[in-house]
C-alpha atoms as a PDB file:
ATOM      1  CA  MET A   1      16.745   7.755  -7.554  1.00  0.00           C
ATOM      2  CA  ALA A   2      18.034   5.658  -4.668  1.00  0.00           C
ATOM      3  CA  ALA A   3      15.587   4.057  -2.287  1.00  0.00           C
ATOM      4  CA  ARG A   4      16.883   6.315   0.497  1.00  0.00           C
ATOM      5  CA  ASN A   5      15.257   9.312  -1.249  1.00  0.00           C
ATOM      6  CA  ILE A   6      11.927   8.142   0.193  1.00  0.00           C
ATOM      7  CA  GLU A   7      11.932   8.435   3.969  1.00  0.00           C
ATOM      8  CA  VAL A   8       8.351   7.579   4.927  1.00  0.00           C
ATOM      9  CA  ALA A   9       5.723   5.309   3.365  1.00  0.00           C
ATOM     10  CA  ILE A  10       2.130   5.875   4.502  1.00  0.00           C
ATOM     11  CA  PHE A  11      -0.475   3.191   3.870  1.00  0.00           C
ATOM     12  CA  ASP A  12      -4.238   2.931   4.020  1.00  0.00           C
ATOM     13  CA  TRP A  13      -5.701  -0.105   5.793  1.00  0.00           C
ATOM     14  CA  ALA A  14      -8.769  -1.806   4.239  1.00  0.00           C
ATOM     15  CA  GLY A  15      -8.034  -2.857   0.679  1.00  0.00           C
ATOM     16  CA  THR A  16      -4.381  -1.816   0.929  1.00  0.00           C
ATOM     17  CA  LEU A  17      -2.787  -3.643   3.875  1.00  0.00           C
ATOM     18  CA  VAL A  18      -5.645  -5.923   4.994  1.00  0.00           C
ATOM     19  CA  ASP A  19      -9.172  -6.877   3.917  1.00  0.00           C
ATOM     20  CA  PHE A  20      -8.784  -7.805   0.250  1.00  0.00           C
ATOM     21  CA  GLY A  21     -11.559  -6.105  -1.696  1.00  0.00           C
ATOM     22  CA  SER A  22     -12.198  -3.620   1.145  1.00  0.00           C
ATOM     23  CA  CYS A  23     -15.301  -5.486   2.253  1.00  0.00           C
ATOM     24  CA  ALA A  24     -15.532  -4.688   5.977  1.00  0.00           C
ATOM     25  CA  PRO A  25     -16.479  -1.000   5.576  1.00  0.00           C
ATOM     26  CA  VAL A  26     -19.156  -1.825   2.996  1.00  0.00           C
ATOM     27  CA  GLU A  27     -20.725  -4.532   5.131  1.00  0.00           C
ATOM     28  CA  ALA A  28     -20.856  -2.249   8.169  1.00  0.00           C
ATOM     29  CA  MET A  29     -22.362   0.624   6.179  1.00  0.00           C
ATOM     30  CA  ARG A  30     -25.012  -1.608   4.656  1.00  0.00           C
ATOM     31  CA  ALA A  31     -25.901  -2.974   8.082  1.00  0.00           C
ATOM     32  CA  ALA A  32     -26.107   0.517   9.577  1.00  0.00           C
ATOM     33  CA  PHE A  33     -28.583   1.743   6.977  1.00  0.00           C
ATOM     34  CA  ALA A  34     -30.500  -1.544   7.101  1.00  0.00           C
ATOM     35  CA  ALA A  35     -31.063  -0.962  10.823  1.00  0.00           C
ATOM     36  CA  PHE A  36     -33.241   1.971   9.764  1.00  0.00           C
ATOM     37  CA  GLY A  37     -35.016   0.032   7.040  1.00  0.00           C
ATOM     38  CA  ILE A  38     -32.928   1.409   4.170  1.00  0.00           C
ATOM     39  CA  ASP A  39     -31.354  -1.012   1.696  1.00  0.00           C
ATOM     40  CA  VAL A  40     -28.207   0.572   0.258  1.00  0.00           C
ATOM     41  CA  PRO A  41     -26.386  -1.403  -2.434  1.00  0.00           C
ATOM     42  CA  ALA A  42     -22.612  -1.606  -2.473  1.00  0.00           C
ATOM     43  CA  ALA A  43     -22.579   0.401  -5.704  1.00  0.00           C
ATOM     44  CA  VAL A  44     -23.831   3.416  -3.732  1.00  0.00           C
ATOM     45  CA  ILE A  45     -21.380   2.910  -0.859  1.00  0.00           C
ATOM     46  CA  ARG A  46     -18.156   2.273  -2.758  1.00  0.00           C
ATOM     47  CA  PRO A  47     -17.786   5.596  -4.628  1.00  0.00           C
ATOM     48  CA  HIS A  48     -17.292   7.327  -1.258  1.00  0.00           C
ATOM     49  CA  MET A  49     -14.940   4.757   0.255  1.00  0.00           C
ATOM     50  CA  GLY A  50     -11.834   6.107   1.918  1.00  0.00           C
ATOM     51  CA  LEU A  51     -13.538   9.149   3.397  1.00  0.00           C
ATOM     52  CA  ALA A  52     -13.662   9.687   7.142  1.00  0.00           C
ATOM     53  CA  LYS A  53     -16.557   7.469   8.099  1.00  0.00           C
ATOM     54  CA  ARG A  54     -18.958  10.121   9.416  1.00  0.00           C
ATOM     55  CA  HIS A  55     -18.463  12.010   6.148  1.00  0.00           C
ATOM     56  CA  HIS A  56     -18.947   8.726   4.305  1.00  0.00           C
ATOM     57  CA  VAL A  57     -22.308   8.242   6.025  1.00  0.00           C
ATOM     58  CA  ALA A  58     -23.332  11.782   5.079  1.00  0.00           C
ATOM     59  CA  GLN A  59     -22.356  11.279   1.449  1.00  0.00           C
ATOM     60  CA  ILE A  60     -24.372   8.074   1.170  1.00  0.00           C
ATOM     61  CA  LEU A  61     -27.385   9.705   2.809  1.00  0.00           C
ATOM     62  CA  ALA A  62     -27.114  12.632   0.387  1.00  0.00           C
ATOM     63  CA  THR A  63     -27.432  10.438  -2.716  1.00  0.00           C
ATOM     64  CA  ALA A  64     -30.817  10.887  -4.342  1.00  0.00           C
ATOM     65  CA  GLU A  65     -32.108   7.343  -3.956  1.00  0.00           C
ATOM     66  CA  VAL A  66     -31.059   6.991  -0.316  1.00  0.00           C
ATOM     67  CA  SER A  67     -32.307  10.451   0.604  1.00  0.00           C
ATOM     68  CA  ARG A  68     -35.724   9.665  -0.897  1.00  0.00           C
ATOM     69  CA  ALA A  69     -35.909   6.332   0.890  1.00  0.00           C
ATOM     70  CA  TRP A  70     -34.966   7.949   4.208  1.00  0.00           C
ATOM     71  CA  ALA A  71     -37.497  10.744   3.773  1.00  0.00           C
ATOM     72  CA  ALA A  72     -40.262   8.239   3.040  1.00  0.00           C
ATOM     73  CA  ARG A  73     -39.578   6.398   6.300  1.00  0.00           C
ATOM     74  CA  HIS A  74     -38.159   8.983   8.685  1.00  0.00           C
ATOM     75  CA  GLY A  75     -38.735  12.456   7.270  1.00  0.00           C
ATOM     76  CA  ALA A  76     -36.227  14.815   5.705  1.00  0.00           C
ATOM     77  CA  PRO A  77     -32.654  13.695   6.494  1.00  0.00           C
ATOM     78  CA  GLY A  78     -30.472  16.063   8.465  1.00  0.00           C
ATOM     79  CA  ALA A  79     -27.601  16.132  10.934  1.00  0.00           C
ATOM     80  CA  GLY A  80     -29.579  14.009  13.392  1.00  0.00           C
ATOM     81  CA  ALA A  81     -29.938  11.284  10.790  1.00  0.00           C
ATOM     82  CA  VAL A  82     -26.210  11.345  10.103  1.00  0.00           C
ATOM     83  CA  ASP A  83     -25.473  11.084  13.824  1.00  0.00           C
ATOM     84  CA  ALA A  84     -27.843   8.126  14.251  1.00  0.00           C
ATOM     85  CA  LEU A  85     -26.455   6.302  11.224  1.00  0.00           C
ATOM     86  CA  TYR A  86     -22.873   6.928  12.306  1.00  0.00           C
ATOM     87  CA  ARG A  87     -23.598   5.444  15.729  1.00  0.00           C
ATOM     88  CA  ALA A  88     -25.169   2.429  14.027  1.00  0.00           C
ATOM     89  CA  TYR A  89     -22.113   2.084  11.813  1.00  0.00           C
ATOM     90  CA  LEU A  90     -19.748   2.173  14.806  1.00  0.00           C
ATOM     91  CA  GLU A  91     -21.760  -0.567  16.493  1.00  0.00           C
ATOM     92  CA  ARG A  92     -21.577  -2.823  13.444  1.00  0.00           C
ATOM     93  CA  GLN A  93     -18.064  -2.267  12.157  1.00  0.00           C
ATOM     94  CA  PRO A  94     -16.287  -4.516  14.706  1.00  0.00           C
ATOM     95  CA  GLU A  95     -18.279  -7.547  13.568  1.00  0.00           C
ATOM     96  CA  ALA A  96     -17.444  -6.798   9.935  1.00  0.00           C
ATOM     97  CA  ILE A  97     -13.769  -6.422  10.801  1.00  0.00           C
ATOM     98  CA  ALA A  98     -13.802  -9.820  12.471  1.00  0.00           C
ATOM     99  CA  ALA A  99     -15.083 -11.319   9.220  1.00  0.00           C
ATOM    100  CA  PHE A 100     -12.840  -9.307   6.861  1.00  0.00           C
ATOM    101  CA  SER A 101      -9.454  -8.523   8.369  1.00  0.00           C
ATOM    102  CA  ALA A 102      -6.952 -10.958   6.851  1.00  0.00           C
ATOM    103  CA  PRO A 103      -3.657  -9.455   5.673  1.00  0.00           C
ATOM    104  CA  ILE A 104      -3.338  -9.038   1.914  1.00  0.00           C
ATOM    105  CA  PRO A 105      -0.758 -11.479   0.514  1.00  0.00           C
ATOM    106  CA  GLY A 106       2.729 -10.076   0.168  1.00  0.00           C
ATOM    107  CA  VAL A 107       2.115  -6.992   2.293  1.00  0.00           C
ATOM    108  CA  ALA A 108       4.085  -8.023   5.386  1.00  0.00           C
ATOM    109  CA  GLU A 109       7.032  -9.016   3.229  1.00  0.00           C
ATOM    110  CA  ALA A 110       6.921  -5.715   1.341  1.00  0.00           C
ATOM    111  CA  LEU A 111       6.878  -3.689   4.546  1.00  0.00           C
ATOM    112  CA  ALA A 112       9.849  -5.653   5.831  1.00  0.00           C
ATOM    113  CA  ILE A 113      11.796  -4.775   2.684  1.00  0.00           C
ATOM    114  CA  LEU A 114      10.968  -1.088   3.042  1.00  0.00           C
ATOM    115  CA  ARG A 115      12.119  -1.093   6.652  1.00  0.00           C
ATOM    116  CA  ALA A 116      15.339  -2.820   5.613  1.00  0.00           C
ATOM    117  CA  GLN A 117      15.894   0.067   3.190  1.00  0.00           C
ATOM    118  CA  GLY A 118      15.534   2.526   6.045  1.00  0.00           C
ATOM    119  CA  ILE A 119      12.035   3.669   5.097  1.00  0.00           C
ATOM    120  CA  ARG A 120       9.723   4.267   8.039  1.00  0.00           C
ATOM    121  CA  VAL A 121       6.183   2.937   7.763  1.00  0.00           C
ATOM    122  CA  GLY A 122       3.024   4.704   8.886  1.00  0.00           C
ATOM    123  CA  SER A 123      -0.663   4.611   8.095  1.00  0.00           C
ATOM    124  CA  THR A 124      -3.841   6.638   7.847  1.00  0.00           C
ATOM    125  CA  THR A 125      -7.428   5.474   7.569  1.00  0.00           C
ATOM    126  CA  GLY A 126     -11.009   6.533   7.130  1.00  0.00           C
ATOM    127  CA  TYR A 127     -11.729   4.551  10.301  1.00  0.00           C
ATOM    128  CA  PRO A 128     -11.956   6.392  13.629  1.00  0.00           C
ATOM    129  CA  ARG A 129      -9.486   5.370  16.339  1.00  0.00           C
ATOM    130  CA  ALA A 130     -11.940   3.048  18.079  1.00  0.00           C
ATOM    131  CA  ILE A 131     -12.287   1.022  14.886  1.00  0.00           C
ATOM    132  CA  VAL A 132      -8.729   1.016  13.547  1.00  0.00           C
ATOM    133  CA  ALA A 133      -7.240  -0.072  16.886  1.00  0.00           C
ATOM    134  CA  PRO A 134      -8.514  -3.672  16.677  1.00  0.00           C
ATOM    135  CA  VAL A 135      -7.663  -3.798  12.964  1.00  0.00           C
ATOM    136  CA  ALA A 136      -4.080  -2.869  13.756  1.00  0.00           C
ATOM    137  CA  GLU A 137      -3.927  -5.324  16.639  1.00  0.00           C
ATOM    138  CA  ARG A 138      -4.991  -8.202  14.389  1.00  0.00           C
ATOM    139  CA  ALA A 139      -2.519  -7.163  11.699  1.00  0.00           C
ATOM    140  CA  ARG A 140       0.415  -6.888  14.093  1.00  0.00           C
ATOM    141  CA  ALA A 141       0.414 -10.632  14.654  1.00  0.00           C
ATOM    142  CA  ALA A 142       0.933 -11.091  10.901  1.00  0.00           C
ATOM    143  CA  GLY A 143       3.887  -8.712  10.770  1.00  0.00           C
ATOM    144  CA  ILE A 144       1.971  -5.618   9.632  1.00  0.00           C
ATOM    145  CA  ALA A 145       2.810  -2.995  12.247  1.00  0.00           C
ATOM    146  CA  PRO A 146       3.062   0.643  11.118  1.00  0.00           C
ATOM    147  CA  GLU A 147       5.038   2.821  13.508  1.00  0.00           C
ATOM    148  CA  ALA A 148       2.433   5.580  13.446  1.00  0.00           C
ATOM    149  CA  ILE A 149      -1.313   5.343  12.814  1.00  0.00           C
ATOM    150  CA  VAL A 150      -3.478   8.453  12.492  1.00  0.00           C
ATOM    151  CA  ALA A 151      -7.232   7.884  12.453  1.00  0.00           C
ATOM    152  CA  CYS A 152      -9.787  10.157  10.819  1.00  0.00           C
ATOM    153  CA  ASP A 153     -11.074  11.534  14.120  1.00  0.00           C
ATOM    154  CA  GLU A 154      -7.674  12.586  15.462  1.00  0.00           C
ATOM    155  CA  VAL A 155      -6.780  15.639  13.342  1.00  0.00           C
ATOM    156  CA  PRO A 156      -8.416  18.590  11.615  1.00  0.00           C
ATOM    157  CA  ARG A 157      -8.923  18.192   7.871  1.00  0.00           C
ATOM    158  CA  PRO A 158      -8.903  14.389   7.686  1.00  0.00           C
ATOM    159  CA  ARG A 159      -8.956  12.637   4.339  1.00  0.00           C
ATOM    160  CA  PRO A 160      -9.461  13.699   1.625  1.00  0.00           C
ATOM    161  CA  GLY A 161      -7.651  16.620   3.297  1.00  0.00           C
ATOM    162  CA  PRO A 162      -3.957  16.442   4.227  1.00  0.00           C
ATOM    163  CA  GLY A 163      -4.204  16.377   8.032  1.00  0.00           C
ATOM    164  CA  GLN A 164      -3.687  12.677   8.640  1.00  0.00           C
ATOM    165  CA  ALA A 165      -0.871  12.144   6.154  1.00  0.00           C
ATOM    166  CA  LEU A 166       0.952  15.244   7.391  1.00  0.00           C
ATOM    167  CA  ALA A 167       0.596  14.096  11.000  1.00  0.00           C
ATOM    168  CA  VAL A 168       2.208  10.761  10.126  1.00  0.00           C
ATOM    169  CA  ALA A 169       5.019  12.475   8.223  1.00  0.00           C
ATOM    170  CA  VAL A 170       5.786  14.666  11.239  1.00  0.00           C
ATOM    171  CA  ALA A 171       5.533  11.773  13.683  1.00  0.00           C
ATOM    172  CA  LEU A 172       8.009   9.715  11.671  1.00  0.00           C
ATOM    173  CA  GLY A 173      10.500  12.518  11.127  1.00  0.00           C
ATOM    174  CA  ALA A 174      10.170  13.136   7.389  1.00  0.00           C
ATOM    175  CA  SER A 175      12.426  15.984   6.295  1.00  0.00           C
ATOM    176  CA  ASP A 176      10.164  16.900   3.350  1.00  0.00           C
ATOM    177  CA  VAL A 177       6.700  15.797   2.216  1.00  0.00           C
ATOM    178  CA  ARG A 178       8.264  15.076  -1.181  1.00  0.00           C
ATOM    179  CA  ARG A 179      10.187  12.297   0.537  1.00  0.00           C
ATOM    180  CA  CYS A 180       6.938  10.615   1.563  1.00  0.00           C
ATOM    181  CA  VAL A 181       4.849   8.175  -0.449  1.00  0.00           C
ATOM    182  CA  LYS A 182       1.124   7.705   0.224  1.00  0.00           C
ATOM    183  CA  VAL A 183      -0.343   4.333  -0.843  1.00  0.00           C
ATOM    184  CA  ASP A 184      -4.108   3.806  -1.119  1.00  0.00           C
ATOM    185  CA  ASP A 185      -6.863   1.963  -2.979  1.00  0.00           C
ATOM    186  CA  THR A 186      -9.466   4.775  -3.073  1.00  0.00           C
ATOM    187  CA  PRO A 187      -9.760   8.192  -4.741  1.00  0.00           C
ATOM    188  CA  ALA A 188     -10.261   9.777  -1.303  1.00  0.00           C
ATOM    189  CA  GLY A 189      -6.967   8.316  -0.146  1.00  0.00           C
ATOM    190  CA  ILE A 190      -5.261   9.440  -3.335  1.00  0.00           C
ATOM    191  CA  ALA A 191      -6.605  12.953  -2.724  1.00  0.00           C
ATOM    192  CA  GLU A 192      -5.244  12.826   0.824  1.00  0.00           C
ATOM    193  CA  GLY A 193      -1.718  12.188  -0.394  1.00  0.00           C
ATOM    194  CA  LEU A 194      -1.914  14.753  -3.172  1.00  0.00           C
ATOM    195  CA  SER A 195      -3.230  17.441  -0.833  1.00  0.00           C
ATOM    196  CA  ALA A 196      -0.264  16.737   1.452  1.00  0.00           C
ATOM    197  CA  GLY A 197       2.177  17.168  -1.442  1.00  0.00           C
ATOM    198  CA  MET A 198       3.336  13.558  -1.409  1.00  0.00           C
ATOM    199  CA  PHE A 199       4.118  11.057  -4.138  1.00  0.00           C
ATOM    200  CA  VAL A 200       0.960   8.942  -4.405  1.00  0.00           C
ATOM    201  CA  VAL A 201       0.633   5.276  -5.387  1.00  0.00           C
ATOM    202  CA  GLY A 202      -2.700   3.602  -6.075  1.00  0.00           C
ATOM    203  CA  VAL A 203      -3.215  -0.127  -5.630  1.00  0.00           C
ATOM    204  CA  ALA A 204      -5.713  -1.545  -8.102  1.00  0.00           C
ATOM    205  CA  ALA A 205      -5.891  -5.305  -7.625  1.00  0.00           C
ATOM    206  CA  THR A 206      -6.617  -5.682  -3.902  1.00  0.00           C
ATOM    207  CA  GLY A 207      -8.999  -2.937  -2.879  1.00  0.00           C
ATOM    208  CA  ASN A 208     -12.195  -1.022  -3.379  1.00  0.00           C
ATOM    209  CA  GLY A 209     -12.143  -1.364  -7.146  1.00  0.00           C
ATOM    210  CA  ILE A 210     -12.214  -5.160  -6.822  1.00  0.00           C
ATOM    211  CA  GLY A 211     -15.041  -5.107  -4.306  1.00  0.00           C
ATOM    212  CA  MET A 212     -15.128  -8.735  -3.209  1.00  0.00           C
ATOM    213  CA  PRO A 213     -13.162 -11.148  -1.013  1.00  0.00           C
ATOM    214  CA  GLN A 214     -10.057 -12.722  -2.489  1.00  0.00           C
ATOM    215  CA  ALA A 215     -11.520 -16.203  -2.911  1.00  0.00           C
ATOM    216  CA  GLU A 216     -14.518 -14.861  -4.823  1.00  0.00           C
ATOM    217  CA  PHE A 217     -12.298 -12.737  -7.010  1.00  0.00           C
ATOM    218  CA  ALA A 218      -9.993 -15.658  -7.749  1.00  0.00           C
ATOM    219  CA  ALA A 219     -12.997 -17.727  -8.875  1.00  0.00           C
ATOM    220  CA  LEU A 220     -13.939 -15.232 -11.585  1.00  0.00           C
ATOM    221  CA  PRO A 221     -12.925 -15.855 -15.208  1.00  0.00           C
ATOM    222  CA  ARG A 222      -9.521 -14.379 -16.007  1.00  0.00           C
ATOM    223  CA  GLU A 223     -11.036 -11.851 -18.400  1.00  0.00           C
ATOM    224  CA  GLU A 224     -13.347 -10.473 -15.725  1.00  0.00           C
ATOM    225  CA  ARG A 225     -10.551 -10.255 -13.189  1.00  0.00           C
ATOM    226  CA  ASP A 226      -8.369  -8.381 -15.646  1.00  0.00           C
ATOM    227  CA  ALA A 227     -11.220  -6.026 -16.521  1.00  0.00           C
ATOM    228  CA  ARG A 228     -11.886  -5.210 -12.852  1.00  0.00           C
ATOM    229  CA  ILE A 229      -8.219  -4.514 -12.186  1.00  0.00           C
ATOM    230  CA  ALA A 230      -7.937  -2.351 -15.288  1.00  0.00           C
ATOM    231  CA  HIS A 231     -11.032  -0.358 -14.336  1.00  0.00           C
ATOM    232  CA  ALA A 232      -9.774   0.132 -10.777  1.00  0.00           C
ATOM    233  CA  GLY A 233      -6.464   1.337 -12.150  1.00  0.00           C
ATOM    234  CA  ARG A 234      -8.150   3.859 -14.401  1.00  0.00           C
ATOM    235  CA  VAL A 235     -10.178   5.223 -11.489  1.00  0.00           C
ATOM    236  CA  LEU A 236      -7.060   5.694  -9.369  1.00  0.00           C
ATOM    237  CA  ALA A 237      -5.122   7.267 -12.236  1.00  0.00           C
ATOM    238  CA  ALA A 238      -8.011   9.651 -12.915  1.00  0.00           C
ATOM    239  CA  ALA A 239      -7.968  10.581  -9.223  1.00  0.00           C
ATOM    240  CA  GLY A 240      -4.380  11.726  -9.698  1.00  0.00           C
ATOM    241  CA  ALA A 241      -2.222   8.806  -8.563  1.00  0.00           C
ATOM    242  CA  ASP A 242       1.363   9.291  -9.716  1.00  0.00           C
ATOM    243  CA  LEU A 243       1.734   5.541 -10.094  1.00  0.00           C
ATOM    244  CA  VAL A 244      -0.713   2.615 -10.049  1.00  0.00           C
ATOM    245  CA  LEU A 245       0.372  -0.871  -8.975  1.00  0.00           C
ATOM    246  CA  ALA A 246      -1.499  -4.121  -8.521  1.00  0.00           C
ATOM    247  CA  SER A 247      -0.604  -4.473  -4.847  1.00  0.00           C
ATOM    248  CA  VAL A 248       1.544  -3.182  -2.021  1.00  0.00           C
ATOM    249  CA  ALA A 249       3.592  -6.316  -2.651  1.00  0.00           C
ATOM    250  CA  ASP A 250       4.870  -4.639  -5.842  1.00  0.00           C
ATOM    251  CA  LEU A 251       5.939  -1.408  -4.141  1.00  0.00           C
ATOM    252  CA  PRO A 252       9.557  -2.178  -3.117  1.00  0.00           C
ATOM    253  CA  ALA A 253      10.545  -2.975  -6.697  1.00  0.00           C
ATOM    254  CA  VAL A 254       9.380   0.378  -8.066  1.00  0.00           C
ATOM    255  CA  LEU A 255       9.588   2.808  -5.171  1.00  0.00           C
ATOM    256  CA  PRO A 256      13.159   3.924  -5.976  1.00  0.00           C
ATOM    257  CA  ARG A 257      11.769   5.473  -9.179  1.00  0.00           C
ATOM    258  CA  GLY A 258       8.848   7.100  -7.391  1.00  0.00           C
ATOM    259  CA  GLN A 259       9.990  10.476  -6.085  1.00  0.00           C
ATOM    260  CA  LYS A 260       8.501  13.586  -7.669  1.00  0.00           C
ATOM    261  CA  ALA A 261      10.869  16.077  -9.209  1.00  0.00           C
END
């Protein structure tokens, strides 16, 4: 197909456009739970990455080990616990963003190519508006500036539901959801695109499946890097991604072949 068959490309933020390894959300979640005396390892946080952040908090709290630890300190967890943890997360996320917000290499160039092809660029995120706004502001200076951004607290049925992706498609004038591509590094983001009826691309080598900053990842032995990328790719494929790439930087070269029948 010709590149013009895709009208709108919709990207996630952490681990897809910025924040190699998707580290900022994990650091903020760990700090939020630590404020209540609960040590939550990254391995418990990462399986739920990409969800709207209040839902993410609830999912972490519902895991057996975290629920037991909370009950031992604070009594049976409930909606009040989720509210308190979510407030703690919101307080701590800006500091994490300041530490982990660099653009992923090749992303700005890829977006420029898509725009040159006439493809409009939007984004969705598990971040609420108050959190994604400074992320977007930092990215804009590096040439990463989606035309439309829909946060998880701005629509009904946020990710993994279709609300955010559909809102972006409407805002950017897509004639058909099948002419939209959703790009994400998490199963929740993949589910978002699929539930909206879009072609969905997973990115395996820059996001949640890598789970560490770029410099740390680059220092690993080649075999371990390859294994992490391969595992991340399998997770995204199992989640239903129509196509899995290493990075957004690879998208312009393959997008013309991406449209669903």
